[in-house]
Each structure stands twice: as structure tokens, then as C-alpha cells.
Protein backbone atom coordinates (compact mmCIF):
# COMPACT_ATOMS: atom_id res chain seq x y z
CA MET A 1 -27.60 -66.92 1.73
CA SER A 2 -27.45 -69.17 4.75
CA MET A 3 -26.34 -72.59 4.64
CA ASP A 4 -24.53 -75.38 6.78
CA SER A 5 -20.74 -75.63 6.67
CA ARG A 6 -20.75 -79.06 4.68
CA THR A 7 -23.06 -77.75 1.87
CA ALA A 8 -21.01 -74.36 1.73
CA ARG A 9 -17.71 -76.36 1.29
CA VAL A 10 -19.33 -78.34 -1.42
CA ALA A 11 -20.38 -75.25 -3.13
CA LEU A 12 -16.82 -73.70 -2.91
CA ALA A 13 -15.34 -76.89 -4.30
CA CYS A 14 -17.71 -76.68 -7.27
CA LEU A 15 -17.03 -73.04 -8.00
CA VAL A 16 -13.25 -72.74 -7.49
CA GLU A 17 -10.34 -75.01 -8.28
CA PRO A 18 -8.67 -76.58 -5.29
CA GLY A 19 -5.79 -75.08 -3.42
CA SER A 20 -6.75 -71.61 -3.80
CA VAL A 21 -5.11 -69.16 -1.32
CA GLU A 22 -7.85 -66.74 -1.60
CA VAL A 23 -10.58 -69.15 -0.82
CA HIS A 24 -8.50 -70.55 2.15
CA ARG A 25 -8.26 -66.95 3.67
CA LEU A 26 -11.87 -66.44 3.21
CA VAL A 27 -12.83 -69.57 5.02
CA VAL A 28 -10.30 -68.74 7.89
CA GLU A 29 -11.88 -65.38 8.09
CA HIS A 30 -15.47 -65.84 7.60
CA GLY A 31 -16.12 -69.56 7.87
CA PRO A 32 -17.21 -71.78 5.04
CA ALA A 33 -20.82 -70.18 4.55
CA GLY A 34 -19.46 -66.66 4.96
CA ALA A 35 -16.63 -67.26 2.47
CA LEU A 36 -19.25 -68.49 -0.07
CA ASP A 37 -21.33 -65.45 0.39
CA ALA A 38 -18.39 -63.14 -0.09
CA LEU A 39 -17.21 -65.17 -3.22
CA VAL A 40 -20.84 -64.94 -4.86
CA ALA A 41 -21.01 -61.27 -4.04
CA GLY A 42 -17.58 -60.68 -5.75
CA LYS A 43 -16.00 -59.62 -2.59
CA ALA A 44 -12.91 -61.68 -3.41
CA ALA A 45 -9.72 -61.33 -5.50
CA GLU A 46 -10.68 -60.65 -8.99
CA GLN A 47 -9.12 -63.81 -10.36
CA VAL A 48 -11.10 -66.14 -8.12
CA ALA A 49 -14.33 -64.25 -8.09
CA GLY A 50 -14.30 -64.10 -11.92
CA ALA A 51 -13.74 -67.96 -12.04
CA ALA A 52 -16.60 -68.64 -9.58
CA GLN A 53 -18.96 -66.20 -11.65
CA ALA A 54 -18.08 -68.30 -14.79
CA ARG A 55 -19.38 -71.27 -13.14
CA LEU A 56 -22.40 -69.75 -11.61
CA THR A 57 -23.69 -68.25 -15.02
CA GLY A 58 -26.87 -66.99 -13.04
CA ARG A 59 -27.50 -70.25 -11.09
CA ASP A 60 -27.81 -70.37 -7.30
CA ALA A 61 -24.65 -71.56 -5.35
CA ARG A 62 -26.96 -73.74 -3.02
CA ARG A 63 -28.61 -75.40 -5.89
CA ILE A 64 -25.08 -76.32 -7.40
CA ALA A 65 -24.08 -77.85 -4.05
CA GLU A 66 -27.39 -79.74 -3.43
CA GLU A 67 -27.11 -81.27 -7.01
CA ALA A 68 -23.46 -82.29 -6.29
CA LEU A 69 -24.48 -83.72 -2.93
CA ALA A 70 -27.35 -85.66 -4.53
CA ARG A 71 -25.10 -87.17 -7.07
CA THR A 72 -22.76 -87.98 -4.42
CA GLU A 73 -25.37 -89.94 -2.71
CA ARG A 74 -26.66 -91.76 -5.70
CA LEU A 75 -23.12 -92.98 -6.28
CA GLY A 76 -22.74 -94.31 -2.72
CA ALA A 77 -19.98 -91.95 -2.02
CA ARG A 78 -19.63 -89.38 0.86
CA VAL A 79 -18.23 -85.85 1.25
CA VAL A 80 -15.74 -85.51 4.01
CA VAL A 81 -14.97 -82.13 5.47
CA PRO A 82 -12.38 -80.86 8.04
CA GLU A 83 -15.05 -80.63 10.73
CA ASP A 84 -15.45 -84.49 10.42
CA ASP A 85 -13.50 -86.89 12.77
CA GLU A 86 -12.16 -88.82 9.78
CA TRP A 87 -10.69 -85.79 8.12
CA PRO A 88 -6.84 -86.47 7.74
CA VAL A 89 -5.33 -83.63 9.82
CA GLN A 90 -1.93 -83.97 8.14
CA LEU A 91 -3.48 -82.15 5.10
CA ALA A 92 -3.20 -78.91 7.12
CA ASP A 93 0.52 -79.09 6.55
CA LEU A 94 -0.17 -77.99 2.87
CA ARG A 95 -0.42 -74.31 4.21
CA ARG A 96 3.27 -74.29 4.79
CA ILE A 97 4.41 -74.86 1.30
CA THR A 98 2.89 -72.02 -0.64
CA ARG A 99 5.13 -69.85 -2.63
CA PRO A 100 3.57 -66.31 -2.91
CA GLY A 101 4.42 -64.80 -6.19
CA GLY A 102 5.19 -68.03 -7.97
CA MET A 103 3.27 -69.96 -10.49
CA ARG A 104 -0.33 -70.74 -9.62
CA VAL A 105 0.34 -74.35 -8.95
CA ASP A 106 3.06 -73.49 -6.51
CA ARG A 107 0.99 -70.64 -4.86
CA ASP A 108 -2.31 -72.50 -4.52
CA THR A 109 -1.04 -75.39 -2.48
CA TYR A 110 -3.66 -74.92 0.32
CA PRO A 111 -5.62 -78.00 1.99
CA PRO A 112 -8.93 -79.22 0.04
CA VAL A 113 -11.99 -77.61 1.27
CA CYS A 114 -13.60 -81.00 1.22
CA LEU A 115 -13.04 -84.44 -0.39
CA TRP A 116 -15.31 -86.84 -2.14
CA VAL A 117 -14.69 -90.48 -1.09
CA ARG A 118 -15.70 -93.81 -2.21
CA GLY A 119 -14.88 -96.79 -0.12
CA ARG A 120 -15.59 -97.82 3.33
CA PRO A 121 -12.31 -97.29 5.48
CA PRO A 122 -12.36 -94.12 7.52
CA LEU A 123 -9.67 -91.60 6.13
CA ALA A 124 -7.73 -90.57 9.16
CA PRO A 125 -6.83 -93.97 10.82
CA THR A 126 -6.38 -95.67 7.37
CA LEU A 127 -4.00 -92.99 5.96
CA ASP A 128 -2.13 -92.36 9.37
CA ARG A 129 0.16 -95.20 8.43
CA SER A 130 0.59 -94.78 4.78
CA VAL A 131 3.25 -94.45 1.90
CA SER A 132 2.91 -92.89 -1.46
CA ILE A 133 4.30 -94.73 -4.51
CA VAL A 134 4.47 -92.84 -7.73
CA GLY A 135 6.21 -92.98 -11.07
CA ALA A 136 6.32 -93.10 -14.69
CA ARG A 137 3.11 -93.98 -16.82
CA ALA A 138 5.30 -95.47 -19.56
CA SER A 139 7.07 -97.72 -17.00
CA THR A 140 9.24 -100.64 -17.77
CA SER A 141 8.73 -104.26 -16.72
CA TYR A 142 11.45 -103.52 -14.02
CA GLY A 143 9.55 -100.60 -12.60
CA ASN A 144 6.40 -102.47 -12.46
CA HIS A 145 7.91 -105.36 -10.70
CA VAL A 146 9.46 -103.07 -8.11
CA ALA A 147 6.29 -101.06 -7.50
CA GLN A 148 4.32 -104.15 -7.09
CA GLU A 149 6.85 -105.78 -4.59
CA LEU A 150 6.82 -102.62 -2.77
CA GLY A 151 3.11 -102.38 -2.57
CA TYR A 152 2.85 -105.94 -1.56
CA GLY A 153 5.32 -105.78 1.20
CA LEU A 154 3.81 -102.66 2.67
CA GLY A 155 0.42 -104.15 2.57
CA THR A 156 1.48 -107.25 4.39
CA ARG A 157 2.90 -105.01 7.15
CA GLY A 158 -0.38 -103.20 7.56
CA TRP A 159 0.67 -100.04 5.76
CA ALA A 160 -1.72 -98.28 3.22
CA VAL A 161 -0.42 -97.17 0.04
CA VAL A 162 -1.46 -93.99 -1.79
CA SER A 163 -1.00 -93.39 -5.52
CA GLY A 164 -2.77 -91.75 -8.43
CA GLY A 165 -4.46 -94.47 -10.16
CA ALA A 166 -2.56 -93.79 -13.55
CA TYR A 167 -0.99 -96.31 -15.90
CA GLY A 168 2.29 -97.66 -15.17
CA ILE A 169 3.82 -97.55 -11.72
CA ASP A 170 0.71 -96.21 -10.00
CA ALA A 171 -1.44 -99.14 -11.16
CA ALA A 172 1.36 -101.81 -10.24
CA ALA A 173 1.56 -100.28 -6.61
CA HIS A 174 -2.12 -100.50 -6.30
CA ARG A 175 -2.29 -103.95 -7.50
CA GLY A 176 0.66 -105.06 -5.30
CA VAL A 177 -1.37 -104.00 -2.14
CA ILE A 178 -4.54 -105.48 -3.40
CA ALA A 179 -2.65 -108.88 -3.80
CA ALA A 180 -1.53 -108.49 -0.18
CA GLN A 181 -5.18 -107.83 0.81
CA GLY A 182 -4.14 -104.65 2.18
CA VAL A 183 -5.73 -101.06 1.71
CA THR A 184 -4.75 -98.71 -1.15
CA ALA A 185 -5.93 -95.26 -1.87
CA ALA A 186 -6.15 -93.68 -5.33
CA VAL A 187 -6.28 -89.86 -5.39
CA LEU A 188 -7.83 -88.84 -8.59
CA ALA A 189 -7.79 -85.67 -10.68
CA CYS A 190 -11.35 -85.95 -11.74
CA GLY A 191 -14.64 -86.95 -10.10
CA VAL A 192 -14.75 -90.25 -8.14
CA ASP A 193 -17.64 -91.34 -10.52
CA ARG A 194 -15.14 -91.26 -13.53
CA ALA A 195 -12.73 -93.96 -14.46
CA TYR A 196 -9.55 -92.34 -15.87
CA PRO A 197 -7.90 -93.87 -17.53
CA ALA A 198 -10.95 -95.79 -18.77
CA MET A 199 -9.15 -99.01 -18.92
CA HIS A 200 -8.73 -98.79 -15.12
CA ALA A 201 -12.49 -98.97 -14.39
CA SER A 202 -12.10 -102.54 -13.12
CA LEU A 203 -9.03 -101.68 -11.10
CA PHE A 204 -10.95 -98.83 -9.43
CA GLU A 205 -13.92 -100.96 -8.62
CA ARG A 206 -11.42 -103.40 -7.01
CA ILE A 207 -9.80 -100.54 -4.99
CA ILE A 208 -13.15 -99.54 -3.59
CA GLU A 209 -13.85 -103.03 -2.11
CA ASP A 210 -11.34 -102.61 0.49
CA GLY A 211 -9.72 -99.29 -0.03
CA LEU A 212 -10.52 -95.61 -1.14
CA LEU A 213 -11.09 -93.43 -4.19
CA LEU A 214 -10.55 -89.72 -3.24
CA SER A 215 -10.90 -86.58 -5.02
CA GLU A 216 -11.20 -82.70 -4.47
CA TRP A 217 -13.43 -82.30 -7.52
CA PRO A 218 -17.10 -83.02 -7.52
CA PRO A 219 -18.68 -85.98 -9.37
CA GLY A 220 -18.70 -85.34 -13.03
CA ALA A 221 -15.37 -83.38 -13.15
CA ALA A 222 -13.35 -83.93 -15.93
CA PRO A 223 -9.52 -84.98 -15.76
CA HIS A 224 -8.05 -81.73 -17.09
CA ARG A 225 -4.34 -81.71 -17.42
CA HIS A 226 -3.56 -78.96 -14.81
CA ARG A 227 -5.66 -81.00 -12.33
CA PHE A 228 -2.90 -83.60 -12.22
CA LEU A 229 -0.37 -81.23 -10.94
CA ILE A 230 -2.83 -79.73 -8.28
CA ARG A 231 -3.81 -83.27 -7.21
CA ASN A 232 -0.22 -84.29 -6.51
CA ARG A 233 0.14 -82.14 -3.47
CA VAL A 234 -2.53 -84.18 -1.64
CA ILE A 235 -0.77 -87.54 -2.56
CA ALA A 236 2.39 -86.10 -0.90
CA ALA A 237 0.56 -84.65 2.13
CA LEU A 238 -1.57 -87.74 3.01
CA SER A 239 1.31 -90.13 3.56
CA ARG A 240 4.50 -90.15 5.67
CA GLY A 241 6.70 -90.60 2.75
CA THR A 242 6.93 -90.73 -1.01
CA VAL A 243 8.70 -93.28 -3.08
CA VAL A 244 9.42 -92.55 -6.87
CA VAL A 245 9.92 -95.85 -8.62
CA GLU A 246 10.68 -94.64 -12.10
CA ALA A 247 10.67 -91.15 -13.48
CA ASN A 248 12.06 -89.64 -16.68
CA ALA A 249 13.76 -86.25 -16.61
CA ARG A 250 10.49 -84.20 -16.66
CA SER A 251 8.12 -86.58 -14.77
CA GLY A 252 5.22 -85.29 -12.69
CA ALA A 253 6.28 -87.88 -10.12
CA ARG A 254 9.27 -85.65 -9.31
CA GLN A 255 6.86 -82.83 -8.64
CA THR A 256 5.16 -85.06 -6.09
CA LEU A 257 8.49 -85.98 -4.31
CA GLY A 258 9.35 -82.27 -4.19
CA ARG A 259 5.94 -81.40 -2.46
CA ALA A 260 6.83 -84.33 -0.16
CA ALA A 261 10.28 -83.00 0.79
CA LEU A 262 8.78 -79.48 1.44
CA LEU A 263 6.18 -80.90 3.64
CA GLY A 264 9.03 -82.64 5.72
CA ARG A 265 7.84 -86.11 4.65
CA ALA A 266 10.46 -88.93 3.78
CA ALA A 267 11.58 -88.59 0.24
CA MET A 268 12.71 -91.77 -1.50
CA ALA A 269 13.72 -93.01 -5.09
CA VAL A 270 14.49 -96.48 -6.46
CA PRO A 271 17.67 -96.81 -8.48
CA GLY A 272 17.20 -98.41 -11.88
CA PRO A 273 19.49 -99.43 -14.87
CA VAL A 274 21.74 -96.54 -15.90
CA THR A 275 20.71 -97.28 -19.42
CA SER A 276 17.07 -96.69 -18.87
CA ALA A 277 15.36 -93.33 -19.78
CA MET A 278 12.68 -94.16 -17.15
CA SER A 279 15.20 -94.05 -14.29
CA VAL A 280 17.05 -90.83 -15.35
CA GLY A 281 14.68 -88.78 -12.98
CA CYS A 282 15.33 -91.08 -10.02
CA HIS A 283 19.05 -91.10 -10.63
CA GLN A 284 19.12 -87.10 -10.80
CA LEU A 285 17.11 -87.11 -7.41
CA LEU A 286 19.78 -89.39 -5.80
CA ARG A 287 22.71 -87.84 -7.32
CA HIS A 288 21.76 -84.39 -5.76
CA GLY A 289 20.79 -85.66 -2.38
CA ALA A 290 16.93 -85.06 -3.01
CA ALA A 291 15.78 -88.44 -2.16
CA ARG A 292 17.01 -91.43 -0.03
CA PRO A 293 17.66 -94.72 -2.07
CA VAL A 294 15.36 -97.60 -1.26
CA MET A 295 15.44 -101.01 -2.80
CA SER A 296 12.72 -102.86 -0.82
CA TYR A 297 9.68 -102.28 1.41
CA ALA A 298 11.86 -102.95 4.45
CA GLU A 299 14.05 -100.01 3.59
CA VAL A 300 10.95 -97.83 2.99
CA LEU A 301 9.66 -98.68 6.45
CA GLU A 302 12.98 -97.83 7.87
CA GLU A 303 12.49 -94.32 6.46
CA VAL A 304 8.85 -93.79 7.69
CA GLY A 305 8.37 -96.18 10.58
CA ARG A 306 9.13 -95.84 14.29
CA ILE A 307 12.87 -95.38 15.12
CA GLY A 308 14.46 -98.49 16.26
CA ASP A 309 11.34 -100.66 15.45
CA ASP A 310 11.41 -100.76 11.54
CA LEU A 311 14.94 -101.25 10.84
CA ALA A 312 15.68 -102.86 7.46
CA PRO A 313 17.90 -106.01 7.61
CA VAL A 314 21.53 -105.50 6.39
CA PRO A 315 21.89 -107.21 3.07
CA GLN A 316 24.11 -110.30 3.30
CA GLY A 317 25.50 -112.92 0.77
CA GLU A 318 24.28 -116.43 1.19
CA GLU A 319 26.22 -118.23 3.79
CA ASP A 320 28.20 -121.41 2.63
CA GLN A 321 30.07 -124.07 4.36
CA PHE A 322 33.25 -122.13 4.27
CA ASP A 323 31.85 -119.17 6.20
CA ARG A 324 31.25 -121.35 9.21
CA LEU A 325 35.13 -122.36 9.41
CA GLY A 326 36.17 -118.91 10.67
CA PRO A 327 39.18 -116.87 9.27
CA GLU A 328 42.05 -118.90 10.62
CA LEU A 329 40.73 -122.26 9.30
CA SER A 330 39.74 -120.74 6.01
CA ARG A 331 43.23 -119.35 5.65
CA ILE A 332 44.83 -122.78 6.33
CA LEU A 333 42.36 -124.56 3.93
CA ASP A 334 43.55 -122.00 1.06
CA GLY A 335 47.02 -123.31 1.64
CA VAL A 336 45.96 -126.88 0.85
CA PRO A 337 46.80 -127.39 -2.85
CA LEU A 338 43.89 -127.96 -5.41
CA ARG A 339 46.10 -130.54 -7.17
CA GLY A 340 48.29 -133.04 -5.83
CA ALA A 341 49.19 -133.18 -2.04
CA ALA A 342 51.39 -131.16 0.35
CA ASP A 343 52.61 -131.88 3.83
CA ALA A 344 51.96 -129.76 6.87
CA GLY A 345 55.12 -127.63 6.43
CA GLN A 346 54.45 -126.86 2.83
CA ILE A 347 50.79 -125.92 3.81
CA ALA A 348 52.18 -123.67 6.65
CA ALA A 349 54.37 -121.90 3.98
CA ALA A 350 51.61 -121.41 1.51
CA ALA A 351 49.17 -120.19 3.99
CA GLY A 352 51.72 -117.97 5.98
CA VAL A 353 50.76 -119.35 9.38
CA PRO A 354 52.94 -121.12 12.05
CA LEU A 355 53.31 -124.96 11.52
CA ARG A 356 51.68 -125.72 14.92
CA ASP A 357 48.60 -123.90 13.86
CA VAL A 358 48.47 -126.20 10.73
CA LEU A 359 49.16 -129.20 12.64
CA ARG A 360 46.21 -128.43 15.02
CA ALA A 361 43.91 -127.54 12.12
CA LEU A 362 44.45 -130.41 9.66
CA PRO A 363 42.54 -133.02 11.66
CA ALA A 364 39.58 -130.76 12.01
CA LEU A 365 39.62 -129.92 8.48
CA GLU A 366 39.64 -133.50 7.64
CA MET A 367 36.95 -134.58 10.04
CA ALA A 368 34.81 -131.82 8.42
CA GLY A 369 35.43 -133.24 4.95
CA HIS A 370 37.40 -130.32 3.45
CA VAL A 371 40.78 -132.19 3.05
CA VAL A 372 41.93 -135.76 2.65
CA ALA A 373 45.14 -137.41 3.67
CA ARG A 374 46.85 -138.66 0.48
CA ASP A 375 50.57 -139.65 -0.45
CA GLY A 376 52.06 -138.65 2.92
CA GLY A 377 50.37 -135.15 2.88
CA TYR A 378 46.97 -133.48 2.38
CA ALA A 379 44.91 -132.52 -0.59
CA ALA A 380 41.67 -130.66 -0.98
CA ARG A 381 38.62 -132.86 -1.44
CA ALA A 382 37.13 -132.79 -4.99
CA ARG A 383 34.01 -130.73 -3.75
CA ASP A 384 36.34 -128.09 -2.45
CA ARG A 385 38.23 -127.61 -5.89
CA GLN A 386 35.77 -124.95 -6.97
CA ARG A 387 35.44 -122.97 -3.76
CA SER A 388 36.16 -119.24 -4.17
CA ARG A 389 40.05 -118.60 -3.28
């Protein structure tokens, strides 16, 4: 059964769940078409060969692939394979995080054999500068606000945002980028022709206008529960770093962050209220050093951007008129009484500075409007009575 590489890869994606170590080894050894031949002939590990036969049910693998490609074309989507120029080369890193002998989701972490894509932007250049934002589906208003602000800020700086299109944090991050007229990519755990959740149909249509819908599964594939955990490795691998905004103690977002850390990507988490169950997961990650705390898009960029070029500004309190006085004048001003008046000697004693310094400072403080001469001494002006002491 001879066929081109693209068609063979589509057939493999239709017959076997993504990330399979056995399929990856077959492709490396025999090429996509040869791997498919071996799979159909039963010359593969029993588990993967049996799964493929269950989906074949007497049908021809070529026919299955051609039907998937025809459906893809009708949808206005495209299939992207590793041989294409727009293939994101960073997905190759997924080979490094497999854990032989572990659970299947931890063992089958290999790169996709192909990707179904809806949206115009080319994958490689678009996702080269991207950040993944993930978190709780049952998010709070606080989490939604933070995710939207992060998405908006990254979008305005020309960074793409990758997420999973789910309720809560995912949707807020996507909407933030859209508001900034940036590019966002939703990586789905079902076919790119299916809106899951159904209430996000309009959001997905809006994403497609300027961004991307991606999936490892062919059109028509259902969002089975285990597929979300499989999908998460792609979210982590596509971007330079992953931010968890809100997560409970058992959130799948923590798994995505764990994948990012294993891949050597930046792992970040947003602190939340200590009273919120939706921030427990983030706080555990931060407490055990599994993630760096970030509180703004600027801090995210400092983690994933160019060294020295994307530094976040140091947070500072709002400057007031007393900040401009300098430490010496401020100290002398503190010695001026809030009630009544005091002469220069009394002010020097109260401030703990030499009398000559007070005599030099008082005219300057009076000209600046901080003190007023009264009853043979000086008093603080009314507007300075409420200053922080």
C-alpha cells in the first residue's frame, strides 16, 4: 500500500491516539508510509496494532485518510505535517519527556504525526513568540480579570497566546488577546470542526479570523476525557513558557505546567487570595519552587523574552511632593510641629539634626510652601498636617 507522506500521516492520526511511542519509532525507522504498512499488517506492538485494527474494521487505511482529507478541505482547514515549512520545530522537544514504564499519558508524549489547522497565520513564525496561559474552568472574577489582562498585554506586545479554548481562564486569555487585536491559538482535544464547549462556538469563530484552531485529531473526533491530558503536552511545547492563573489542588493546568518545566520552558504562576480554593494549586507550585511568581504581562515577558531587553519595571509607589524633598529636608520637616509653632532650635532638637542645618532648610521649606512663619517660629502648613509621618 504505497501513498505519499502526508496521506500516510493522516491515516496514522486517524488510527492511533496521538503521542504514541510505538508509532513514533515506526515512523523514524520506516517513514510515514512504511509505518502505516507495518501497523496495518500487525507488525507493531500489540496494544497499538490492536487499537488500529479496531478502527479499521475491514476498511482501507487509504480510504480513511482520503475521507479525512476531503472533510478537511470542505471545512476550509489544512493539514500541517513535519515536512512542511510552517511546522513548529519546537514540538520535537516532546521526545525528551517520555517516561518509559509509567502511565500511558506520561509515556506517550511524542510529537504529533500531523496537525489540523483552521486559521490563516502560519504556525512556525506565529508560535515562535508565544506564551501559554492556562487555568481553572471554574475560575473566579479575579482569575478571569488577570488572565484577560495578561492576554491583552502580551497581544499588544506582539506575542501570541496559546490556550485550550475551555471555560474560565482559557476563554479569558483568548478574549484578552482578541481585544488587543493580537493572535491567539486554541489547541483542542477534539476535531477542529467541533465547538467544545458548545457555548464557545462564537469564540472559536472569532479566533479563526486572526488566529488559529489546532488539533491532533481529525475532523469529527469527539472530546473524550483522556484527550485533554494528551493535548496538554502540545500547549506546553508550542510556547516559550506557561502561566497558570488559577488552579485547584487537582487541576489539569498543573499538568500542563509540569510538562512545560520538563521541556525546559519557563514555568510561571499567578498568586491569588489565600482564601480562594481556585488559587490553592498556584500557591502549592510557588511554595515548592515549581513556578516563578508573575503578576503582570511585563513580568511574563521578563521570563520568556530576550535577556536584557524585556525587563519588567520595578514596582514603585506613587511619588508625592515629599519624595522630591530628599531625606535631609524631609527629616527637618518632620520636626516641625503639626499644632502650634516651634523655633529653629526646637525643630533641630525634634528632628535630631544640627541647628545650622535647620536654619538653612527652613527658608527653602517656606518657599516650597511646606511651612509657614508664625508666632516667632514655624508651623506646618494645613495641607501638610495629613502627611505620613
